[in-house]
Amino acid sequence: MSDGEHFLSGGPNNHPACHRTAKSHVDPQSVENFRRKLKYFFMSPCQKYRARGRKPWKMMLQILKIAIITFQLVSFGLSNEMMVTFKEGNIVAFKHFFLKNYQDRNKDYALYTKHEVHDHILYIINRYLHLQDLTVDNHAFERIDEVFTPLSVCQELYRHANILPVNETFDIDPHVETECLYFYPFSLFKKDDLENDMNLTLDFQRLLAVNIYLKVKAINLQTVHYKELPDCYDFAINIKFDNHAHSGKIKITLRSDVQIKVCKDWNVSGSNLHYQLIVLFDCVVICSCLLSLILCTRSVYKGVLLQFEYITFASIYHNKRVCWSERMEFINGWYILIIISDTLTIAGSILKICIQSKELTNYDVCSILLGTATMLVWTGVMRYFSFFQKYYILILTLQAALPNVIRFSFCAVMIFLSYCFCGWIVLGPHHENFRSFNTVANCLFSMINGDEIYSTFTKIRDKNDLVWMFSRMYIYTFVPLFTFMILSLFIALFTDTYETIKRYQKHGAPLSELQAFIAECKDPPNSGKYMVDEESSTFCTIKKV
């Protein structure tokens, strides 16, 4: 059988051909040269080194990238940790400073009498007016154009409300109005005068909420100990007295929106050298990733050119149409992954330099870029395990099982969502883990993994027999269905695929037309036949006979 005829046949394991074939005659030497070119393209870096003496620069560069990018991420992570620690510490300090008799263990901080509400509002105002005299930190008032930002006490009220529970009657206008009072820092109030002068009256029948807004500025000086420049922080604090339920319980919450800004004027002695070293290291990371990006893009481009060459060769000389599964073999997905990783690393490193120089303060964006890039660069090294099948079995199993897993997951998600909606509507009023759709999904997912089962059973209120019976049926059907059936079937998909991969490794896997065509080349990498110029084996040199 001629070379052209064998190219048209199925693989060694009678793999069904995905092309329509027609017999043609080509120069056997040209076909062999093209086959050898294809085999060289799919070689591992070590085989390419033995074939042509080309050093595996991309592989060495990826290993170097793992070291320097991981070090960069750890360095930035320490800075980010100081930022998060500073924000969380200030929020805890504000709760102790502004909330009367607050304790960290008070998860449900609430008031129950009118006197307590008035007293706590006066306490917050008084503490704010004397902030800089009482605080142990470098907190200060916000000032815009030489004018201090005032503390505002805003009431949310129904426009009209006349509620008489004794007669079971009410007259209410549900439109909400807002009334605010403002208190400027350094006002000369005494505690007794403050209560008389602020003219604050609370109509608890109409009252929905009291919101106290105030702004505090601070500087994160702990970064100085690590030779980094400090940031300036603006804390927009909201203390809310929530009376929407009108249940006799007014819950108090303190929230703070933090805005990180570049300090207007700063000077830290001896910080220039450390800053220059950090910027220099970031520039090394950028250059390494840029070089890796160029090399991987070049490899992808060469793979695309070789794919077109193979398609043209099969089409003209054998009247064949190459299927998509074989076309995608020329596109190395690992290179795409590395290109994405390099792009994210370059963008994150540039942003990190801007943060270090205090031009920008986008810590969250930089964390996402560098964190995702580091994850991808570590994952991208798995490409080199693909040349050692025993070490690559995890990726092979995931790759082979993915289509079946996606189809199975669609059905499982539909059933899961049906339980989420049902639990949210029926059990939401009776169980805190079912109060919102998001908490229902979290609770059910935890139950699949064996968590929250006992607490879910015990927290259901047993005052309503119908709801209690429904909750038992709901949980007794969900746990066996997902834990014993759906989860077991999900695991079985991977187990069956793993066994199939192991069997292929032992007895050989079916080859595609492309792989069967390349397998006809018996020349080892060190035979010296791969040293010829690539242009001599291109499609343009193949002639019909």
Protein backbone atom coordinates (compact mmCIF):
# COMPACT_ATOMS: atom_id res chain seq x y z
CA MET A 1 0.00 0.00 0.00
CA SER A 2 1.40 3.43 -0.91
CA ASP A 3 1.92 6.27 1.54
CA GLY A 4 -1.01 8.16 0.10
CA GLU A 5 -3.34 5.21 0.50
CA HIS A 6 -2.31 4.55 4.09
CA PHE A 7 -2.89 8.20 4.94
CA LEU A 8 -6.52 7.69 4.02
CA SER A 9 -7.15 4.60 6.12
CA GLY A 10 -8.32 4.39 9.71
CA GLY A 11 -6.00 4.23 12.68
CA PRO A 12 -4.39 1.10 14.10
CA ASN A 13 -7.41 0.44 16.30
CA ASN A 14 -9.91 0.82 13.46
CA HIS A 15 -10.76 4.35 14.64
CA PRO A 16 -13.52 5.62 12.36
CA ALA A 17 -12.26 8.21 9.90
CA CYS A 18 -13.83 11.65 10.14
CA HIS A 19 -12.99 12.49 6.49
CA ARG A 20 -14.38 11.55 3.13
CA THR A 21 -11.44 10.02 1.25
CA ALA A 22 -10.41 9.72 -2.34
CA LYS A 23 -7.30 8.03 -3.67
CA SER A 24 -4.50 10.19 -5.04
CA HIS A 25 -0.81 9.83 -5.86
CA VAL A 26 1.81 12.02 -4.21
CA ASP A 27 5.56 12.04 -3.96
CA PRO A 28 6.41 9.56 -1.14
CA GLN A 29 9.45 11.56 -0.03
CA SER A 30 7.43 14.77 0.20
CA VAL A 31 4.77 13.00 2.25
CA GLU A 32 7.46 11.60 4.56
CA ASN A 33 9.03 15.03 5.01
CA PHE A 34 5.65 16.54 5.85
CA ARG A 35 4.90 13.70 8.26
CA ARG A 36 8.26 14.27 9.96
CA LYS A 37 7.47 17.99 10.25
CA LEU A 38 4.18 17.20 11.96
CA LYS A 39 5.86 14.77 14.33
CA TYR A 40 8.44 17.38 15.31
CA PHE A 41 5.66 19.89 16.06
CA PHE A 42 4.04 17.52 18.57
CA MET A 43 7.31 16.53 20.28
CA SER A 44 8.07 17.36 23.91
CA PRO A 45 10.72 20.04 24.68
CA CYS A 46 13.30 17.36 25.54
CA GLN A 47 12.63 15.47 22.29
CA LYS A 48 12.96 18.71 20.31
CA TYR A 49 16.29 19.33 22.01
CA ARG A 50 17.53 15.88 20.95
CA ALA A 51 16.14 16.38 17.44
CA ARG A 52 17.55 19.82 16.63
CA GLY A 53 19.52 20.91 19.69
CA ARG A 54 17.09 23.71 20.53
CA LYS A 55 17.02 24.45 24.22
CA PRO A 56 13.57 24.44 25.90
CA TRP A 57 13.49 28.16 26.60
CA LYS A 58 9.74 28.31 27.14
CA MET A 59 9.84 25.54 29.73
CA MET A 60 12.71 27.17 31.63
CA LEU A 61 10.95 30.53 31.44
CA GLN A 62 7.72 29.07 32.87
CA ILE A 63 9.63 27.59 35.82
CA LEU A 64 11.30 30.96 36.42
CA LYS A 65 7.90 32.68 36.23
CA ILE A 66 6.50 30.42 38.92
CA ALA A 67 9.22 31.55 41.34
CA ILE A 68 9.14 35.29 40.66
CA ILE A 69 5.34 35.62 40.29
CA THR A 70 4.74 33.67 43.49
CA PHE A 71 7.23 35.88 45.34
CA GLN A 72 5.54 38.97 43.91
CA LEU A 73 2.12 37.71 45.01
CA VAL A 74 3.33 36.94 48.54
CA SER A 75 4.89 40.41 48.80
CA PHE A 76 1.70 42.11 47.63
CA GLY A 77 -0.39 39.80 49.81
CA LEU A 78 1.41 41.04 52.92
CA SER A 79 0.66 44.63 51.94
CA ASN A 80 -2.95 43.75 51.20
CA GLU A 81 -3.22 41.97 54.55
CA MET A 82 -2.08 45.11 56.36
CA MET A 83 -4.74 47.10 54.51
CA VAL A 84 -7.49 44.63 55.42
CA THR A 85 -6.30 44.42 59.03
CA PHE A 86 -6.34 48.20 59.32
CA LYS A 87 -9.88 48.48 57.93
CA GLU A 88 -11.29 45.71 60.11
CA GLY A 89 -9.53 47.05 63.20
CA ASN A 90 -11.00 50.49 62.65
CA ILE A 91 -14.52 49.13 62.21
CA VAL A 92 -14.24 47.25 65.50
CA ALA A 93 -12.87 50.39 67.16
CA PHE A 94 -15.79 52.47 65.82
CA LYS A 95 -18.30 49.99 67.25
CA HIS A 96 -16.72 50.22 70.69
CA PHE A 97 -16.31 53.98 70.43
CA PHE A 98 -19.78 54.98 69.21
CA LEU A 99 -22.08 52.19 70.44
CA LYS A 100 -22.80 52.41 74.14
CA ASN A 101 -21.94 49.29 76.16
CA TYR A 102 -21.04 47.40 73.00
CA GLN A 103 -19.35 43.99 73.37
CA ASP A 104 -17.82 41.90 70.59
CA ARG A 105 -20.01 38.97 71.55
CA ASN A 106 -23.17 41.06 70.94
CA LYS A 107 -24.33 39.61 67.64
CA ASP A 108 -27.82 41.07 68.13
CA TYR A 109 -27.28 44.61 69.46
CA ALA A 110 -30.77 46.07 70.01
CA LEU A 111 -32.79 48.52 72.12
CA TYR A 112 -36.25 48.10 73.59
CA THR A 113 -37.27 51.40 75.25
CA LYS A 114 -37.70 55.01 74.11
CA HIS A 115 -35.28 56.23 76.74
CA GLU A 116 -32.56 53.86 75.49
CA VAL A 117 -32.99 55.10 71.92
CA HIS A 118 -32.70 58.77 72.94
CA ASP A 119 -29.76 58.02 75.21
CA HIS A 120 -27.83 56.11 72.53
CA ILE A 121 -28.35 58.83 69.92
CA LEU A 122 -27.07 61.48 72.34
CA TYR A 123 -24.13 59.23 73.24
CA ILE A 124 -23.10 58.87 69.55
CA ILE A 125 -23.33 62.61 68.91
CA ASN A 126 -21.36 63.46 72.01
CA ARG A 127 -18.64 60.92 71.23
CA TYR A 128 -18.31 62.28 67.70
CA LEU A 129 -18.02 65.91 68.83
CA HIS A 130 -15.15 64.90 71.16
CA LEU A 131 -13.59 62.38 68.79
CA GLN A 132 -10.11 63.83 68.60
CA ASP A 133 -9.91 64.22 72.38
CA LEU A 134 -10.99 60.64 73.14
CA THR A 135 -9.63 58.39 70.39
CA VAL A 136 -6.28 56.66 70.86
CA ASP A 137 -5.65 56.54 67.10
CA ASN A 138 -4.91 59.30 64.59
CA HIS A 139 -8.57 59.74 63.65
CA ALA A 140 -9.73 63.16 62.49
CA PHE A 141 -12.78 64.92 61.05
CA GLU A 142 -13.24 65.30 57.32
CA ARG A 143 -12.75 68.83 56.07
CA ILE A 144 -13.65 70.12 52.60
CA ASP A 145 -12.66 73.64 51.62
CA GLU A 146 -11.87 74.50 55.24
CA VAL A 147 -15.38 73.40 56.29
CA PHE A 148 -15.79 70.33 58.50
CA THR A 149 -18.26 67.67 57.40
CA PRO A 150 -21.09 67.52 59.93
CA LEU A 151 -22.64 64.50 61.59
CA SER A 152 -26.20 64.05 60.32
CA VAL A 153 -29.09 62.41 62.16
CA CYS A 154 -31.78 61.46 59.64
CA GLN A 155 -35.17 59.99 60.48
CA GLU A 156 -37.15 57.91 58.01
CA LEU A 157 -40.85 58.40 58.82
CA TYR A 158 -44.23 57.51 57.40
CA ARG A 159 -45.91 60.69 56.21
CA HIS A 160 -48.86 59.93 58.47
CA ALA A 161 -49.60 57.11 60.90
CA ASN A 162 -52.30 56.64 63.52
CA ILE A 163 -52.11 53.12 64.92
CA LEU A 164 -54.47 51.88 67.63
CA PRO A 165 -53.84 48.21 68.43
CA VAL A 166 -56.40 48.30 71.24
CA ASN A 167 -59.16 48.98 68.69
CA GLU A 168 -57.46 46.96 65.95
CA THR A 169 -57.51 50.02 63.70
CA PHE A 170 -54.90 52.06 61.87
CA ASP A 171 -54.67 54.97 59.47
CA ILE A 172 -51.36 55.20 57.61
CA ASP A 173 -49.82 56.96 54.63
CA PRO A 174 -46.95 54.67 53.47
CA HIS A 175 -44.99 57.44 51.73
CA VAL A 176 -41.62 57.83 53.47
CA GLU A 177 -40.25 61.23 54.45
CA THR A 178 -36.74 62.04 55.69
CA GLU A 179 -35.90 64.66 58.30
CA CYS A 180 -32.29 65.45 59.18
CA LEU A 181 -30.37 67.37 61.84
CA TYR A 182 -26.72 68.36 61.47
CA PHE A 183 -24.00 68.71 64.12
CA TYR A 184 -20.65 70.24 63.25
CA PRO A 185 -17.41 69.28 65.01
CA PHE A 186 -16.01 71.56 67.69
CA SER A 187 -19.49 72.80 68.55
CA LEU A 188 -19.56 74.02 72.14
CA PHE A 189 -22.17 71.66 73.53
CA LYS A 190 -22.30 70.15 76.94
CA LYS A 191 -24.18 66.90 77.40
CA ASP A 192 -27.19 68.55 79.04
CA ASP A 193 -27.19 71.44 76.56
CA LEU A 194 -26.95 69.00 73.66
CA GLU A 195 -30.16 67.27 74.65
CA ASN A 196 -32.00 70.57 74.90
CA ASP A 197 -30.54 72.25 71.81
CA MET A 198 -30.66 69.49 69.24
CA ASN A 199 -34.48 69.54 69.11
CA LEU A 200 -34.77 65.84 68.27
CA THR A 201 -38.23 64.32 68.66
CA LEU A 202 -39.01 60.74 67.72
CA ASP A 203 -42.52 59.67 66.74
CA PHE A 204 -42.20 55.92 67.19
CA GLN A 205 -45.52 55.21 65.49
CA ARG A 206 -44.25 56.80 62.28
CA LEU A 207 -40.57 55.94 62.76
CA LEU A 208 -39.00 53.48 60.35
CA ALA A 209 -35.32 54.11 61.03
CA VAL A 210 -32.81 56.59 62.36
CA ASN A 211 -29.63 56.83 60.31
CA ILE A 212 -26.60 58.61 61.71
CA TYR A 213 -23.98 59.49 59.08
CA LEU A 214 -20.47 60.63 59.91
CA LYS A 215 -17.08 60.65 58.25
CA VAL A 216 -13.70 59.99 59.85
CA LYS A 217 -10.23 60.15 58.29
CA ALA A 218 -7.18 58.07 59.25
CA ILE A 219 -3.70 57.11 58.00
CA ASN A 220 -2.41 53.52 57.97
CA LEU A 221 1.00 53.98 59.57
CA GLN A 222 1.76 50.30 60.15
CA THR A 223 3.10 49.99 56.59
CA VAL A 224 6.02 52.26 57.53
CA HIS A 225 7.56 49.40 59.53
CA TYR A 226 7.73 47.37 56.29
CA LYS A 227 9.33 50.17 54.28
CA GLU A 228 6.10 50.95 52.42
CA LEU A 229 4.36 54.27 52.01
CA PRO A 230 1.17 54.72 54.04
CA ASP A 231 -2.30 55.25 52.56
CA CYS A 232 -4.97 57.70 53.69
CA TYR A 233 -8.41 56.30 54.53
CA ASP A 234 -11.84 57.90 54.51
CA PHE A 235 -14.40 56.03 56.62
CA ALA A 236 -18.05 56.82 55.79
CA ILE A 237 -19.85 55.44 58.84
CA ASN A 238 -23.56 54.69 58.99
CA ILE A 239 -25.17 53.80 62.33
CA LYS A 240 -28.71 52.58 61.76
CA PHE A 241 -31.53 52.21 64.31
CA ASP A 242 -33.86 49.86 62.42
CA ASN A 243 -37.55 49.98 63.37
CA HIS A 244 -39.08 48.71 60.10
CA ALA A 245 -40.61 45.67 61.80
CA HIS A 246 -42.31 47.74 64.57
CA SER A 247 -41.91 44.69 66.79
CA GLY A 248 -40.72 46.51 69.94
CA LYS A 249 -37.10 45.76 69.05
CA ILE A 250 -34.89 48.38 67.39
CA LYS A 251 -31.78 46.73 66.03
CA ILE A 252 -28.59 48.80 65.78
CA THR A 253 -26.01 48.15 63.08
CA LEU A 254 -22.81 49.99 62.22
CA ARG A 255 -21.47 49.82 58.68
CA SER A 256 -18.53 51.59 57.18
CA ASP A 257 -17.65 52.23 53.53
CA VAL A 258 -13.91 52.68 53.19
CA GLN A 259 -12.28 54.76 50.49
CA ILE A 260 -8.51 54.52 50.17
CA LYS A 261 -6.85 57.65 48.84
CA VAL A 262 -3.37 58.81 48.04
CA CYS A 263 -2.04 61.09 50.75
CA LYS A 264 -1.55 64.62 49.50
CA ASP A 265 1.82 65.26 51.10
CA TRP A 266 4.13 62.62 52.56
CA ASN A 267 7.73 62.07 53.46
CA VAL A 268 9.25 58.86 54.85
CA SER A 269 12.99 58.91 55.48
CA GLY A 270 14.96 56.07 53.90
CA SER A 271 12.08 54.63 51.88
CA ASN A 272 13.40 55.41 48.38
CA LEU A 273 15.83 52.47 48.13
CA HIS A 274 13.27 49.88 49.20
CA TYR A 275 10.69 51.36 46.85
CA GLN A 276 13.16 51.28 43.93
CA LEU A 277 14.00 47.63 44.58
CA ILE A 278 10.31 46.68 44.60
CA VAL A 279 9.69 48.54 41.33
CA LEU A 280 12.79 46.93 39.78
CA PHE A 281 11.55 43.47 40.73
CA ASP A 282 8.10 44.22 39.28
CA CYS A 283 9.77 45.33 36.05
CA VAL A 284 11.63 41.99 35.92
CA VAL A 285 8.29 40.20 36.29
CA ILE A 286 6.78 42.30 33.49
CA CYS A 287 9.70 41.60 31.15
CA SER A 288 9.60 37.86 31.87
CA CYS A 289 5.87 37.68 31.23
CA LEU A 290 6.20 39.78 28.09
CA LEU A 291 8.86 37.41 26.74
CA SER A 292 6.70 34.41 27.64
CA LEU A 293 3.71 36.06 25.97
CA ILE A 294 5.68 36.58 22.75
CA LEU A 295 7.03 33.02 22.68
CA CYS A 296 3.65 31.40 23.39
CA THR A 297 1.87 33.62 20.86
CA ARG A 298 4.51 32.63 18.30
CA SER A 299 3.92 28.94 19.04
CA VAL A 300 0.16 29.33 18.69
CA TYR A 301 0.65 31.18 15.40
CA LYS A 302 2.92 28.43 14.07
CA GLY A 303 0.35 25.83 15.11
CA VAL A 304 -2.38 27.68 13.20
CA LEU A 305 -0.18 27.88 10.08
CA LEU A 306 0.61 24.17 10.31
CA GLN A 307 -3.09 23.41 10.73
CA PHE A 308 -3.93 25.25 7.51
CA GLU A 309 -1.06 23.49 5.78
CA TYR A 310 -2.37 20.10 6.89
CA ILE A 311 -5.93 21.00 5.83
CA THR A 312 -4.73 22.10 2.40
CA PHE A 313 -2.56 19.01 2.00
CA ALA A 314 -5.46 16.69 2.85
CA SER A 315 -7.92 18.61 0.70
CA ILE A 316 -5.88 18.93 -2.50
CA TYR A 317 -4.04 15.64 -2.60
CA HIS A 318 -6.59 13.36 -0.95
CA ASN A 319 -9.89 15.22 -1.37
CA LYS A 320 -10.35 15.09 2.40
CA ARG A 321 -12.14 17.36 4.85
CA VAL A 322 -10.38 17.55 8.22
CA CYS A 323 -12.81 17.39 11.15
CA TRP A 324 -12.75 19.95 13.96
CA SER A 325 -11.41 17.52 16.57
CA GLU A 326 -8.23 17.09 14.50
CA ARG A 327 -7.96 20.79 13.72
CA MET A 328 -8.01 21.62 17.42
CA GLU A 329 -5.05 19.30 18.02
CA PHE A 330 -2.87 22.00 16.45
CA ILE A 331 -4.13 24.60 18.95
CA ASN A 332 -2.37 24.06 22.26
CA GLY A 333 -4.79 25.08 24.99
CA TRP A 334 -1.97 25.33 27.52
CA TYR A 335 -0.39 28.11 25.48
CA ILE A 336 -3.71 29.98 25.51
CA LEU A 337 -3.80 29.58 29.29
CA ILE A 338 -0.24 30.90 29.63
CA ILE A 339 -1.04 33.87 27.34
CA ILE A 340 -4.01 34.80 29.55
CA SER A 341 -1.84 34.39 32.66
CA ASP A 342 0.90 36.61 31.22
CA THR A 343 -1.60 39.29 30.23
CA LEU A 344 -3.11 39.35 33.72
CA THR A 345 0.32 39.39 35.35
CA ILE A 346 1.52 42.32 33.23
CA ALA A 347 -1.64 44.31 33.97
CA GLY A 348 -1.49 43.45 37.69
CA SER A 349 2.21 44.31 37.94
CA ILE A 350 1.68 47.70 36.31
CA LEU A 351 -1.18 48.39 38.72
CA LYS A 352 0.98 47.21 41.63
CA ILE A 353 3.71 49.70 40.65
CA CYS A 354 1.10 52.46 40.60
CA ILE A 355 -0.09 51.39 44.06
CA GLN A 356 3.44 51.27 45.42
CA SER A 357 4.10 54.76 44.04
CA LYS A 358 0.76 55.94 45.53
CA GLU A 359 -0.63 56.96 42.17
CA LEU A 360 -3.57 54.55 42.58
CA THR A 361 -5.16 52.60 45.44
CA ASN A 362 -7.07 49.83 43.62
CA TYR A 363 -6.04 47.01 45.94
CA ASP A 364 -9.00 44.77 45.09
CA VAL A 365 -8.48 44.94 41.33
CA CYS A 366 -4.77 44.29 41.70
CA SER A 367 -5.45 41.33 44.00
CA ILE A 368 -7.83 39.76 41.48
CA LEU A 369 -5.36 40.20 38.61
CA LEU A 370 -2.30 38.87 40.45
CA GLY A 371 -4.19 36.10 42.26
CA THR A 372 -5.79 34.78 39.06
CA ALA A 373 -2.50 35.08 37.17
CA THR A 374 -0.63 33.10 39.83
CA MET A 375 -3.27 30.37 39.79
CA LEU A 376 -3.05 30.13 35.99
CA VAL A 377 0.75 30.14 35.86
CA TRP A 378 0.91 27.24 38.33
CA THR A 379 -1.77 25.41 36.35
CA GLY A 380 0.00 26.14 33.06
CA VAL A 381 3.06 24.17 34.12
CA MET A 382 0.83 21.08 33.97
CA ARG A 383 1.44 21.21 30.21
CA TYR A 384 4.86 19.68 30.68
CA PHE A 385 3.36 16.77 32.61
CA SER A 386 1.42 15.89 29.46
CA PHE A 387 4.58 14.28 28.11
CA PHE A 388 4.55 11.85 31.04
CA GLN A 389 1.19 10.07 30.89
CA LYS A 390 1.31 8.61 34.39
CA TYR A 391 1.68 12.08 35.93
CA TYR A 392 -0.89 13.61 33.59
CA ILE A 393 -3.74 11.24 34.33
CA LEU A 394 -5.69 13.85 36.36
CA ILE A 395 -5.90 16.28 33.44
CA LEU A 396 -6.70 13.47 31.00
CA THR A 397 -9.53 12.28 33.23
CA LEU A 398 -10.99 15.79 33.63
CA GLN A 399 -10.69 16.45 29.92
CA ALA A 400 -12.40 13.20 28.91
CA ALA A 401 -15.16 13.41 31.56
CA LEU A 402 -16.02 17.07 30.99
CA PRO A 403 -18.73 16.62 28.30
CA ASN A 404 -20.64 14.02 30.35
CA VAL A 405 -20.20 16.07 33.53
CA ILE A 406 -21.67 19.18 31.90
CA ARG A 407 -24.72 17.28 30.63
CA PHE A 408 -25.22 15.62 34.02
CA SER A 409 -24.77 18.92 35.87
CA PHE A 410 -27.59 20.58 33.91
CA CYS A 411 -30.09 18.03 35.22
CA ALA A 412 -28.67 18.15 38.78
CA VAL A 413 -28.81 21.96 38.88
CA MET A 414 -32.46 21.96 37.84
CA ILE A 415 -33.37 19.65 40.72
CA PHE A 416 -31.20 21.68 43.13
CA LEU A 417 -32.88 24.96 42.13
CA SER A 418 -36.33 23.41 42.61
CA TYR A 419 -35.43 22.55 46.21
CA CYS A 420 -33.98 26.05 46.72
CA PHE A 421 -37.17 27.81 45.64
CA CYS A 422 -39.37 25.46 47.63
CA GLY A 423 -37.29 25.79 50.81
CA TRP A 424 -37.11 29.57 50.51
CA ILE A 425 -40.88 30.01 50.25
CA VAL A 426 -42.03 27.38 52.74
CA LEU A 427 -39.28 27.26 55.38
CA GLY A 428 -38.02 30.85 55.13
CA PRO A 429 -40.32 32.25 57.84
CA HIS A 430 -39.40 29.41 60.22
CA HIS A 431 -35.63 28.93 59.79
CA GLU A 432 -32.80 31.47 59.59
CA ASN A 433 -30.90 29.38 57.02
CA PHE A 434 -33.81 29.70 54.60
CA ARG A 435 -34.50 33.44 54.94
CA SER A 436 -33.11 34.36 51.50
CA PHE A 437 -32.49 32.45 48.29
CA ASN A 438 -28.73 32.84 48.70
CA THR A 439 -28.72 31.39 52.22
CA VAL A 440 -30.95 28.51 51.07
CA ALA A 441 -28.47 27.61 48.33
CA ASN A 442 -25.57 27.79 50.79
CA CYS A 443 -27.41 25.66 53.35
CA LEU A 444 -28.40 22.95 50.86
CA PHE A 445 -24.91 22.82 49.37
CA SER A 446 -23.50 22.38 52.87
CA MET A 447 -25.99 19.56 53.50
CA ILE A 448 -24.75 17.77 50.38
CA ASN A 449 -21.28 17.77 51.94
CA GLY A 450 -22.61 16.53 55.27
CA ASP A 451 -22.71 19.88 57.10
CA GLU A 452 -25.66 21.73 58.62
CA ILE A 453 -27.87 18.61 58.67
CA TYR A 454 -28.33 18.40 62.44
CA SER A 455 -28.72 22.16 62.95
CA THR A 456 -31.24 22.32 60.11
CA PHE A 457 -33.33 19.63 61.78
CA THR A 458 -33.18 21.18 65.25
CA LYS A 459 -33.79 24.83 64.31
CA ILE A 460 -37.12 24.24 62.58
CA ARG A 461 -39.83 25.70 64.78
CA ASP A 462 -42.25 23.00 65.84
CA LYS A 463 -45.18 25.29 66.65
CA ASN A 464 -46.86 24.56 63.34
CA ASP A 465 -47.39 20.83 62.83
CA LEU A 466 -47.94 21.19 59.09
CA VAL A 467 -44.64 23.06 58.56
CA TRP A 468 -42.83 20.65 60.85
CA MET A 469 -44.06 17.66 58.82
CA PHE A 470 -43.16 19.38 55.55
CA SER A 471 -39.66 20.23 56.80
CA ARG A 472 -39.02 16.57 57.65
CA MET A 473 -40.22 15.39 54.24
CA TYR A 474 -38.19 18.14 52.55
CA ILE A 475 -34.93 17.23 54.29
CA TYR A 476 -35.48 13.46 54.22
CA THR A 477 -35.93 13.55 50.45
CA PHE A 478 -33.16 16.07 49.71
CA VAL A 479 -30.35 14.38 51.65
CA PRO A 480 -30.72 10.86 50.17
CA LEU A 481 -31.37 12.20 46.66
CA PHE A 482 -28.28 14.41 46.47
CA THR A 483 -25.89 12.75 48.92
CA PHE A 484 -26.47 9.12 48.00
CA MET A 485 -27.71 9.24 44.41
CA ILE A 486 -26.73 12.38 42.50
CA LEU A 487 -23.36 12.83 44.20
CA SER A 488 -22.56 9.12 43.76
CA LEU A 489 -23.45 9.25 40.08
CA PHE A 490 -21.34 12.38 39.71
CA ILE A 491 -18.35 10.59 41.20
CA ALA A 492 -19.05 7.54 39.04
CA LEU A 493 -18.62 9.65 35.89
CA PHE A 494 -15.04 10.44 36.87
CA THR A 495 -14.39 6.90 38.10
CA ASP A 496 -15.48 5.33 34.80
CA THR A 497 -13.44 7.85 32.83
CA TYR A 498 -10.41 7.20 35.04
CA GLU A 499 -10.68 3.44 34.45
CA THR A 500 -10.97 4.05 30.70
CA ILE A 501 -7.86 6.23 30.71
CA LYS A 502 -5.95 3.59 32.69
CA ARG A 503 -7.01 0.94 30.19
CA TYR A 504 -5.89 3.12 27.29
CA GLN A 505 -2.51 3.67 28.93
CA LYS A 506 -2.07 -0.07 29.32
CA HIS A 507 -3.40 -1.32 25.97
CA GLY A 508 -3.20 1.81 23.83
CA ALA A 509 -5.82 4.42 22.94
CA PRO A 510 -7.57 4.76 19.56
CA LEU A 511 -5.69 7.11 17.29
CA SER A 512 -7.20 9.84 15.19
CA GLU A 513 -6.39 10.13 11.47
CA LEU A 514 -3.80 12.79 12.25
CA GLN A 515 -2.15 10.73 14.96
CA ALA A 516 -2.16 7.62 12.77
CA PHE A 517 -0.58 9.58 9.92
CA ILE A 518 2.17 10.91 12.22
CA ALA A 519 2.74 7.46 13.78
CA GLU A 520 3.97 6.19 10.39
CA CYS A 521 7.15 8.22 10.96
CA LYS A 522 9.56 5.84 12.71
CA ASP A 523 12.52 8.22 12.88
CA PRO A 524 13.66 8.78 16.50
CA PRO A 525 14.42 12.33 17.64
CA ASN A 526 18.19 11.75 17.63
CA SER A 527 18.25 10.30 14.10
CA GLY A 528 19.47 13.56 12.59
CA LYS A 529 16.67 13.66 10.02
CA TYR A 530 14.96 16.54 11.81
CA MET A 531 17.90 18.90 11.28
CA VAL A 532 16.69 19.90 7.79
CA ASP A 533 15.30 23.35 7.19
CA GLU A 534 11.58 23.58 7.98
CA GLU A 535 10.88 25.31 4.68
CA SER A 536 12.08 22.25 2.76
CA SER A 537 9.16 20.19 4.10
CA THR A 538 6.36 22.68 3.71
CA PHE A 539 3.29 21.98 1.66
CA CYS A 540 4.50 24.23 -1.15
CA THR A 541 7.34 21.83 -1.94
CA ILE A 542 5.07 18.74 -2.19
CA LYS A 543 4.51 17.82 -5.81
CA LYS A 544 2.03 15.54 -7.50
CA VAL A 545 3.33 12.61 -9.48
